[in-house]
Amino acid sequence: MSDNANRTKKYIVTNELGEEFLLPKYAATFRILMDDKDTIRDVLNSLLQLDRDHEIVDLEYEFEKPIDIFMPENDPARLDVWVHTRDNRYMNIEMQNKVHAFFFDRMQLYNSYLTLRGKYEFNRSDYFLGLPEEERKYRYYELPETVSIWLCNNSVLRSKDIYKDVWSTYSEYEVKSGNALPISQKNRYIVVDLPNFLQLRKGVKTREDFWLRLISRGPLQVPETEDPIFANALDRLRVSRMNPELLKALEANMFDHHEYEALEAEAFLNGAKQEREKNDARDCKRADYLRSQNVPENVISTMLALK
């Protein structure tokens, strides 16, 4: 198979037969790949490595779920894929192409929303409303399981020896003593470093391998398959199957202005940091010169404080 990218549209690749496919690593094309209940369930069961006793059986999903809690802006941030399972687990899957200065802040913000929204939905679920009133009062603060999943096309993990990590809340004392276990399993982050994955996992040996290679490298980099879930997912990415109007709308939504604004803020911070470092180096030279002239320290401090 050929992996020659379409020259005018970076989100389209063409195989040796001239067939065009969408690359699902962008937020808009990722949603097209994930717009199928079986696909989402299989991706989640693979990433979470759930066994038959704990795997996700049924779910509901929603794209671009708006963050409308404590977000007064007219254009709030949105979750890429919001998932609610039949057994009241709540998950969010985010596709990330840029890691910026506020990336970890953003992770925490989205995870906080996921937890709050999950609790809101949980309290209105048939399961919770079916409990006796006294038990509902007793379990007023009970949280459902929430998992925030981040698929990152930039390296985010400090170790190059892993491609996936689980983050949770730990006791600092237990971490220092070497006996740390998560304080709770109900709230977790799954962080997938796709560059590390491509370095560490050669070929496709598992279902997780297939999904992560498809998401990060595209349809031309996974093997041909008769698996119905995989085949249907690949079929959704065929450009020939798409309505021309949908393609136009897709192109219009390729630009992520939230990501751009975050990168702009990072550039501003980097510029401000460089200016501070420049001024600090200048002040250090001035202080050294004044000391060489036996100027007292309190006078030097006063002089440097003057702007």
Foldseek 3Di string as FASTA:
>chain_A
DDFDADPPDNQWTADPVGFIFGQLLFLLNVCLLVVDFVLVQLLVCVLVVDDPVDGFDGKDKDAFQFQPPPPPDPHGGGFGMWIATPVLETETEEREEDDFPCNVVVQVVVLVSRFVVSLVVVCVDPVLVVDPPVVNVVCVPPTAAYEYEYEYAAADDPDLVDFKDKDADWDPVCVVVVNIDHPDRRGIYIYGHLVSCPVPDPADDDSNSQVSCCNNPNDVRHDDDPPVSSVVSRVSRGPVPDDPVVVVVSVVPSDDVVVVVRNVVRVVVVVVVVVVVVLVVVLVVVLVVVVVVVDDPVVSVVVSPPD
